[in-house]
């Protein structure tokens, strides 16, 4: 009896494990058609040969923008910051009220969001400039506690503003101001 139970447990485990096995999707490693354009929006070069100062300038800008630094690895030139913000959209609120008045019940609306910024700093090929790549993402939760949206922010103005602030901050770092 004990042996039969043991065999059944092994057979069940093998069945569960084999059912979970999935292959890698064929397009998993393919770049999107806009990836080169996206990288251009997210990347800037700065006339500096000091990686530590550039990284420090980027961290200062993130903190000035209200981000909390979650991770930092100076040897790799990496910073990760995040901030929590309200995600209430007045259009969704109006739609939810109209739906409720028509007897449609409660509709989940966006409530909170977490903005994340990932920064990579590295010297360019000849070591005379620093390459800074920034990526901003947001994750939105609705009033029912479910994730309603996850996206990479691709607004060029957001990146232009960030890199403008980084440029000023690098100048201040290099001048030790």
C-alpha atoms as a PDB file:
ATOM      1  CA  UNK A   1       0.000   0.000   0.000  1.00  0.00           C
ATOM      2  CA  UNK A   2       2.815   2.351   0.904  1.00  0.00           C
ATOM      3  CA  UNK A   3       4.588   1.537  -2.381  1.00  0.00           C
ATOM      4  CA  UNK A   4       1.414   2.244  -4.392  1.00  0.00           C
ATOM      5  CA  UNK A   5       1.012   5.645  -2.695  1.00  0.00           C
ATOM      6  CA  UNK A   6       4.650   6.465  -3.451  1.00  0.00           C
ATOM      7  CA  UNK A   7       4.258   5.499  -7.137  1.00  0.00           C
ATOM      8  CA  UNK A   8       1.057   7.554  -7.414  1.00  0.00           C
ATOM      9  CA  UNK A   9       2.795  10.595  -5.923  1.00  0.00           C
ATOM     10  CA  UNK A  10       5.686  10.281  -8.402  1.00  0.00           C
ATOM     11  CA  UNK A  11       3.304   9.844 -11.360  1.00  0.00           C
ATOM     12  CA  UNK A  12       1.243  12.854 -10.243  1.00  0.00           C
ATOM     13  CA  UNK A  13       4.381  14.993  -9.816  1.00  0.00           C
ATOM     14  CA  UNK A  14       5.673  14.054 -13.262  1.00  0.00           C
ATOM     15  CA  UNK A  15       2.283  14.850 -14.772  1.00  0.00           C
ATOM     16  CA  UNK A  16       2.120  18.257 -13.090  1.00  0.00           C
ATOM     17  CA  UNK A  17       5.672  19.150 -14.039  1.00  0.00           C
ATOM     18  CA  UNK A  18       5.271  18.102 -17.653  1.00  0.00           C
ATOM     19  CA  UNK A  19       2.018  20.081 -17.939  1.00  0.00           C
ATOM     20  CA  UNK A  20       3.835  23.221 -16.777  1.00  0.00           C
ATOM     21  CA  UNK A  21       6.521  22.928 -19.411  1.00  0.00           C
ATOM     22  CA  UNK A  22       6.085  25.471 -22.161  1.00  0.00           C
ATOM     23  CA  UNK A  23       8.337  26.387 -25.010  1.00  0.00           C
ATOM     24  CA  UNK A  24       9.878  29.764 -25.641  1.00  0.00           C
ATOM     25  CA  UNK A  25       7.703  31.821 -27.980  1.00  0.00           C
ATOM     26  CA  UNK A  26       9.236  32.182 -31.440  1.00  0.00           C
ATOM     27  CA  UNK A  27       9.256  35.978 -31.275  1.00  0.00           C
ATOM     28  CA  UNK A  28      10.637  36.202 -27.713  1.00  0.00           C
ATOM     29  CA  UNK A  29      14.071  37.409 -28.810  1.00  0.00           C
ATOM     30  CA  UNK A  30      12.958  39.554 -31.733  1.00  0.00           C
ATOM     31  CA  UNK A  31      13.284  43.316 -31.391  1.00  0.00           C
ATOM     32  CA  UNK A  32      10.211  45.416 -31.987  1.00  0.00           C
ATOM     33  CA  UNK A  33      10.183  47.534 -35.149  1.00  0.00           C
ATOM     34  CA  UNK A  34      10.487  50.693 -33.015  1.00  0.00           C
ATOM     35  CA  UNK A  35      13.278  49.481 -30.710  1.00  0.00           C
ATOM     36  CA  UNK A  36      16.000  51.539 -32.439  1.00  0.00           C
ATOM     37  CA  UNK A  37      13.853  54.680 -32.292  1.00  0.00           C
ATOM     38  CA  UNK A  38      12.985  53.966 -28.637  1.00  0.00           C
ATOM     39  CA  UNK A  39      16.651  53.544 -27.744  1.00  0.00           C
ATOM     40  CA  UNK A  40      17.399  56.898 -29.405  1.00  0.00           C
ATOM     41  CA  UNK A  41      14.787  58.624 -27.235  1.00  0.00           C
ATOM     42  CA  UNK A  42      16.111  56.941 -24.070  1.00  0.00           C
ATOM     43  CA  UNK A  43      19.846  57.547 -24.627  1.00  0.00           C
ATOM     44  CA  UNK A  44      22.075  60.636 -24.477  1.00  0.00           C
ATOM     45  CA  UNK A  45      25.826  61.209 -24.516  1.00  0.00           C
ATOM     46  CA  UNK A  46      27.462  63.712 -22.183  1.00  0.00           C
ATOM     47  CA  UNK A  47      30.902  65.296 -22.474  1.00  0.00           C
ATOM     48  CA  UNK A  48      32.324  63.821 -19.320  1.00  0.00           C
ATOM     49  CA  UNK A  49      34.884  61.137 -18.668  1.00  0.00           C
ATOM     50  CA  UNK A  50      33.946  60.613 -15.015  1.00  0.00           C
ATOM     51  CA  UNK A  51      31.457  57.789 -14.628  1.00  0.00           C
ATOM     52  CA  UNK A  52      31.010  58.306 -10.878  1.00  0.00           C
ATOM     53  CA  UNK A  53      30.140  61.998 -11.278  1.00  0.00           C
ATOM     54  CA  UNK A  54      27.692  61.217 -14.088  1.00  0.00           C
ATOM     55  CA  UNK A  55      26.024  58.512 -12.016  1.00  0.00           C
ATOM     56  CA  UNK A  56      25.838  60.843  -9.030  1.00  0.00           C
ATOM     57  CA  UNK A  57      24.292  63.560 -11.202  1.00  0.00           C
ATOM     58  CA  UNK A  58      21.638  61.130 -12.463  1.00  0.00           C
ATOM     59  CA  UNK A  59      20.840  60.023  -8.905  1.00  0.00           C
ATOM     60  CA  UNK A  60      20.509  63.656  -7.804  1.00  0.00           C
ATOM     61  CA  UNK A  61      18.084  64.410 -10.662  1.00  0.00           C
ATOM     62  CA  UNK A  62      15.959  61.375  -9.827  1.00  0.00           C
ATOM     63  CA  UNK A  63      15.770  62.456  -6.197  1.00  0.00           C
ATOM     64  CA  UNK A  64      14.922  66.032  -7.220  1.00  0.00           C
ATOM     65  CA  UNK A  65      12.064  64.610  -9.300  1.00  0.00           C
ATOM     66  CA  UNK A  66      10.699  62.797  -6.221  1.00  0.00           C
ATOM     67  CA  UNK A  67      12.042  59.315  -6.889  1.00  0.00           C
ATOM     68  CA  UNK A  68      13.301  57.172  -4.018  1.00  0.00           C
ATOM     69  CA  UNK A  69      16.475  55.292  -4.902  1.00  0.00           C
ATOM     70  CA  UNK A  70      15.789  51.577  -4.461  1.00  0.00           C
ATOM     71  CA  UNK A  71      18.935  50.073  -5.922  1.00  0.00           C
ATOM     72  CA  UNK A  72      22.307  51.412  -6.914  1.00  0.00           C
ATOM     73  CA  UNK A  73      25.365  49.564  -8.172  1.00  0.00           C
ATOM     74  CA  UNK A  74      28.109  52.053  -8.901  1.00  0.00           C
ATOM     75  CA  UNK A  75      30.499  49.438 -10.298  1.00  0.00           C
ATOM     76  CA  UNK A  76      27.896  48.594 -12.955  1.00  0.00           C
ATOM     77  CA  UNK A  77      26.703  52.177 -13.449  1.00  0.00           C
ATOM     78  CA  UNK A  78      23.138  51.285 -12.469  1.00  0.00           C
ATOM     79  CA  UNK A  79      20.424  53.141 -10.546  1.00  0.00           C
ATOM     80  CA  UNK A  80      16.793  52.169  -9.960  1.00  0.00           C
ATOM     81  CA  UNK A  81      14.325  54.601  -8.452  1.00  0.00           C
ATOM     82  CA  UNK A  82      10.572  54.654  -7.929  1.00  0.00           C
ATOM     83  CA  UNK A  83       7.787  56.866  -6.699  1.00  0.00           C
ATOM     84  CA  UNK A  84       4.126  56.267  -5.924  1.00  0.00           C
ATOM     85  CA  UNK A  85       1.529  58.606  -7.364  1.00  0.00           C
ATOM     86  CA  UNK A  86      -2.212  58.991  -7.699  1.00  0.00           C
ATOM     87  CA  UNK A  87      -3.548  57.573 -10.974  1.00  0.00           C
ATOM     88  CA  UNK A  88      -7.134  58.771 -10.770  1.00  0.00           C
ATOM     89  CA  UNK A  89      -8.436  59.757 -14.195  1.00  0.00           C
ATOM     90  CA  UNK A  90     -11.450  62.095 -14.174  1.00  0.00           C
ATOM     91  CA  UNK A  91     -12.754  60.518 -17.389  1.00  0.00           C
ATOM     92  CA  UNK A  92     -12.853  57.099 -15.731  1.00  0.00           C
ATOM     93  CA  UNK A  93     -14.598  58.543 -12.667  1.00  0.00           C
ATOM     94  CA  UNK A  94     -17.305  60.173 -14.815  1.00  0.00           C
ATOM     95  CA  UNK A  95     -17.813  56.934 -16.764  1.00  0.00           C
ATOM     96  CA  UNK A  96     -18.055  54.945 -13.510  1.00  0.00           C
ATOM     97  CA  UNK A  97     -20.695  57.347 -12.127  1.00  0.00           C
ATOM     98  CA  UNK A  98     -22.741  57.177 -15.347  1.00  0.00           C
ATOM     99  CA  UNK A  99     -22.518  53.380 -15.362  1.00  0.00           C
ATOM    100  CA  UNK A 100     -23.605  53.224 -11.718  1.00  0.00           C
ATOM    101  CA  UNK A 101     -26.558  55.563 -12.367  1.00  0.00           C
ATOM    102  CA  UNK A 102     -27.669  53.332 -15.245  1.00  0.00           C
ATOM    103  CA  UNK A 103     -27.653  50.358 -12.885  1.00  0.00           C
ATOM    104  CA  UNK A 104     -24.450  48.814 -14.183  1.00  0.00           C
ATOM    105  CA  UNK A 105     -22.912  48.440 -10.743  1.00  0.00           C
ATOM    106  CA  UNK A 106     -19.489  49.456  -9.532  1.00  0.00           C
ATOM    107  CA  UNK A 107     -16.743  49.856 -12.117  1.00  0.00           C
ATOM    108  CA  UNK A 108     -13.082  49.612 -11.193  1.00  0.00           C
ATOM    109  CA  UNK A 109     -11.147  52.804 -11.916  1.00  0.00           C
ATOM    110  CA  UNK A 110      -7.429  53.501 -11.806  1.00  0.00           C
ATOM    111  CA  UNK A 111      -6.342  54.528  -8.322  1.00  0.00           C
ATOM    112  CA  UNK A 112      -2.580  54.243  -7.681  1.00  0.00           C
ATOM    113  CA  UNK A 113       0.520  54.002  -9.804  1.00  0.00           C
ATOM    114  CA  UNK A 114       4.194  53.295  -9.269  1.00  0.00           C
ATOM    115  CA  UNK A 115       6.617  55.073 -11.558  1.00  0.00           C
ATOM    116  CA  UNK A 116      10.024  53.433 -11.973  1.00  0.00           C
ATOM    117  CA  UNK A 117      13.179  54.881 -13.460  1.00  0.00           C
ATOM    118  CA  UNK A 118      16.107  52.724 -14.498  1.00  0.00           C
ATOM    119  CA  UNK A 119      19.399  54.439 -15.360  1.00  0.00           C
ATOM    120  CA  UNK A 120      22.509  52.885 -16.921  1.00  0.00           C
ATOM    121  CA  UNK A 121      25.711  54.943 -17.236  1.00  0.00           C
ATOM    122  CA  UNK A 122      28.687  53.708 -19.239  1.00  0.00           C
ATOM    123  CA  UNK A 123      31.642  55.242 -21.069  1.00  0.00           C
ATOM    124  CA  UNK A 124      31.442  55.352 -24.856  1.00  0.00           C
ATOM    125  CA  UNK A 125      33.894  53.386 -26.991  1.00  0.00           C
ATOM    126  CA  UNK A 126      36.727  55.922 -26.846  1.00  0.00           C
ATOM    127  CA  UNK A 127      36.153  56.856 -23.185  1.00  0.00           C
ATOM    128  CA  UNK A 128      35.699  60.586 -23.793  1.00  0.00           C
ATOM    129  CA  UNK A 129      31.952  60.735 -23.188  1.00  0.00           C
ATOM    130  CA  UNK A 130      29.421  59.077 -20.921  1.00  0.00           C
ATOM    131  CA  UNK A 131      26.422  57.266 -22.351  1.00  0.00           C
ATOM    132  CA  UNK A 132      23.307  57.534 -20.193  1.00  0.00           C
ATOM    133  CA  UNK A 133      20.253  55.419 -20.911  1.00  0.00           C
ATOM    134  CA  UNK A 134      17.085  56.085 -18.938  1.00  0.00           C
ATOM    135  CA  UNK A 135      13.917  54.021 -19.006  1.00  0.00           C
ATOM    136  CA  UNK A 136      10.709  55.107 -17.304  1.00  0.00           C
ATOM    137  CA  UNK A 137       7.874  52.671 -16.637  1.00  0.00           C
ATOM    138  CA  UNK A 138       4.576  52.836 -14.817  1.00  0.00           C
ATOM    139  CA  UNK A 139       2.372  50.227 -13.211  1.00  0.00           C
ATOM    140  CA  UNK A 140      -1.240  51.145 -12.388  1.00  0.00           C
ATOM    141  CA  UNK A 141      -3.576  49.521  -9.851  1.00  0.00           C
ATOM    142  CA  UNK A 142      -7.351  49.992  -9.885  1.00  0.00           C
ATOM    143  CA  UNK A 143      -9.782  50.379  -6.989  1.00  0.00           C
ATOM    144  CA  UNK A 144     -10.178  46.587  -6.806  1.00  0.00           C
ATOM    145  CA  UNK A 145      -6.431  46.148  -6.224  1.00  0.00           C
ATOM    146  CA  UNK A 146      -5.764  44.636  -9.659  1.00  0.00           C
ATOM    147  CA  UNK A 147      -3.051  45.796 -12.040  1.00  0.00           C
ATOM    148  CA  UNK A 148      -4.835  47.625 -14.844  1.00  0.00           C
ATOM    149  CA  UNK A 149      -1.866  48.859 -16.863  1.00  0.00           C
ATOM    150  CA  UNK A 150       1.874  48.274 -17.197  1.00  0.00           C
ATOM    151  CA  UNK A 151       3.747  50.328 -19.744  1.00  0.00           C
ATOM    152  CA  UNK A 152       7.057  51.874 -20.674  1.00  0.00           C
ATOM    153  CA  UNK A 153       6.696  55.627 -20.930  1.00  0.00           C
ATOM    154  CA  UNK A 154       7.818  56.688 -24.403  1.00  0.00           C
ATOM    155  CA  UNK A 155       6.948  60.389 -24.340  1.00  0.00           C
ATOM    156  CA  UNK A 156       9.987  62.149 -25.925  1.00  0.00           C
ATOM    157  CA  UNK A 157       9.377  65.306 -23.851  1.00  0.00           C
ATOM    158  CA  UNK A 158       9.745  63.318 -20.615  1.00  0.00           C
ATOM    159  CA  UNK A 159      13.181  62.095 -21.686  1.00  0.00           C
ATOM    160  CA  UNK A 160      14.247  65.510 -23.045  1.00  0.00           C
ATOM    161  CA  UNK A 161      13.359  67.153 -19.735  1.00  0.00           C
ATOM    162  CA  UNK A 162      15.178  64.466 -17.759  1.00  0.00           C
ATOM    163  CA  UNK A 163      18.348  64.687 -19.866  1.00  0.00           C
ATOM    164  CA  UNK A 164      18.307  68.493 -19.718  1.00  0.00           C
ATOM    165  CA  UNK A 165      18.310  68.280 -15.927  1.00  0.00           C
ATOM    166  CA  UNK A 166      21.068  65.641 -16.018  1.00  0.00           C
ATOM    167  CA  UNK A 167      23.207  67.909 -18.205  1.00  0.00           C
ATOM    168  CA  UNK A 168      22.925  70.734 -15.671  1.00  0.00           C
ATOM    169  CA  UNK A 169      23.576  68.350 -12.809  1.00  0.00           C
ATOM    170  CA  UNK A 170      26.704  66.920 -14.476  1.00  0.00           C
ATOM    171  CA  UNK A 171      28.037  70.455 -14.874  1.00  0.00           C
ATOM    172  CA  UNK A 172      27.438  71.122 -11.171  1.00  0.00           C
ATOM    173  CA  UNK A 173      29.063  67.777 -10.197  1.00  0.00           C
ATOM    174  CA  UNK A 174      32.165  68.456 -12.282  1.00  0.00           C
ATOM    175  CA  UNK A 175      32.499  71.979 -10.890  1.00  0.00           C
ATOM    176  CA  UNK A 176      32.010  70.582  -7.351  1.00  0.00           C
ATOM    177  CA  UNK A 177      29.225  73.111  -6.757  1.00  0.00           C
END
